[in-house]
Amino acid sequence: MSDMKTVTMRELNRKTASVLDAVERGETFELKRKGKAVGYLTPAPPLPERKANWKSHFEWLRKQSKKRGASLLAEFDEDRRRLRAREMALR
């Protein structure tokens, strides 16, 4: 990692936004305190790509077509909550 840049705690404190912008662009920084390496600032790994499971989606839709009214809305809300929880777990 010879192309890694170094940033001191003082520089990071003064230029946090510009350092984080560089990290977002893919740069990696070695973080130093009093001349000693204490850590690294690296870009976050990409989130895993999710593929749609169309078979289960259509099975779910078939089941929903038999429901009416409030029970259907309640199930939609519950599915939405489950999806949000699953997405948060992936982060």
Protein backbone atom coordinates (compact mmCIF):
# COMPACT_ATOMS: atom_id res chain seq x y z
CA MET A 1 0.00 0.00 0.00
CA SER A 2 2.66 2.47 -1.00
CA ASP A 3 0.09 4.93 -2.38
CA MET A 4 -1.60 5.24 1.01
CA LYS A 5 -1.74 8.77 2.35
CA THR A 6 -1.05 9.68 5.96
CA VAL A 7 -3.18 12.00 8.05
CA THR A 8 -2.46 13.13 11.60
CA MET A 9 -5.14 13.53 14.24
CA ARG A 10 -4.71 17.31 14.05
CA GLU A 11 -5.12 17.32 10.25
CA LEU A 12 -8.15 15.06 10.51
CA ASN A 13 -9.68 17.38 13.10
CA ARG A 14 -9.19 20.39 10.82
CA LYS A 15 -10.02 18.77 7.47
CA THR A 16 -12.51 16.05 8.34
CA ALA A 17 -14.86 16.77 5.43
CA SER A 18 -12.15 16.79 2.76
CA VAL A 19 -10.52 13.62 4.14
CA LEU A 20 -13.88 11.83 4.18
CA ASP A 21 -14.59 13.04 0.64
CA ALA A 22 -11.29 11.45 -0.44
CA VAL A 23 -12.20 8.21 1.35
CA GLU A 24 -15.54 8.18 -0.49
CA ARG A 25 -13.58 8.47 -3.75
CA GLY A 26 -11.66 5.32 -2.80
CA GLU A 27 -8.53 6.66 -1.11
CA THR A 28 -7.11 5.06 2.05
CA PHE A 29 -5.42 6.99 4.84
CA GLU A 30 -3.14 5.88 7.64
CA LEU A 31 -4.16 7.72 10.80
CA LYS A 32 -1.27 8.78 13.05
CA ARG A 33 -1.13 10.19 16.56
CA LYS A 34 2.19 11.54 17.83
CA GLY A 35 3.96 9.91 14.88
CA LYS A 36 2.58 6.43 15.54
CA ALA A 37 0.02 4.67 13.36
CA VAL A 38 -3.24 4.18 15.23
CA GLY A 39 -5.58 3.09 12.44
CA TYR A 40 -6.76 3.37 8.88
CA LEU A 41 -9.55 5.22 7.14
CA THR A 42 -10.73 3.10 4.22
CA PRO A 43 -13.79 3.08 2.00
CA ALA A 44 -16.63 0.89 3.22
CA PRO A 45 -17.04 -2.37 1.32
CA PRO A 46 -19.93 -2.39 -1.15
CA LEU A 47 -23.23 -3.77 0.08
CA PRO A 48 -23.99 -7.24 -1.23
CA GLU A 49 -26.22 -7.19 -4.26
CA ARG A 50 -29.63 -8.65 -3.61
CA LYS A 51 -31.37 -10.59 -6.33
CA ALA A 52 -35.14 -10.60 -6.53
CA ASN A 53 -36.80 -13.87 -5.61
CA TRP A 54 -39.63 -13.67 -8.10
CA LYS A 55 -41.05 -17.12 -7.36
CA SER A 56 -41.72 -16.32 -3.71
CA HIS A 57 -42.93 -12.84 -4.66
CA PHE A 58 -45.60 -14.22 -7.00
CA GLU A 59 -46.62 -16.87 -4.46
CA TRP A 60 -47.08 -14.08 -1.94
CA LEU A 61 -49.15 -12.07 -4.43
CA ARG A 62 -51.41 -15.06 -5.09
CA LYS A 63 -52.07 -15.40 -1.36
CA GLN A 64 -52.79 -11.68 -1.03
CA SER A 65 -55.39 -11.73 -3.82
CA LYS A 66 -57.64 -13.83 -1.56
CA LYS A 67 -57.58 -11.28 1.26
CA ARG A 68 -59.67 -8.15 1.56
CA GLY A 69 -59.87 -4.98 3.62
CA ALA A 70 -58.12 -4.39 6.92
CA SER A 71 -56.41 -7.78 7.11
CA LEU A 72 -54.71 -7.10 3.77
CA LEU A 73 -53.52 -3.66 4.92
CA ALA A 74 -52.24 -5.06 8.21
CA GLU A 75 -50.27 -7.72 6.36
CA PHE A 76 -48.78 -5.12 4.00
CA ASP A 77 -47.65 -3.08 7.01
CA GLU A 78 -46.12 -6.14 8.68
CA ASP A 79 -44.24 -7.10 5.50
CA ARG A 80 -42.96 -3.54 5.19
CA ARG A 81 -41.66 -3.68 8.79
CA ARG A 82 -39.94 -7.03 8.14
CA LEU A 83 -38.30 -5.69 4.97
CA ARG A 84 -36.98 -2.60 6.79
CA ALA A 85 -35.57 -4.78 9.59
CA ARG A 86 -33.86 -7.05 7.06
CA GLU A 87 -32.34 -4.07 5.22
CA MET A 88 -31.05 -2.59 8.49
CA ALA A 89 -29.44 -5.93 9.37
CA LEU A 90 -27.53 -5.86 6.06
CA ARG A 91 -25.95 -2.50 6.81
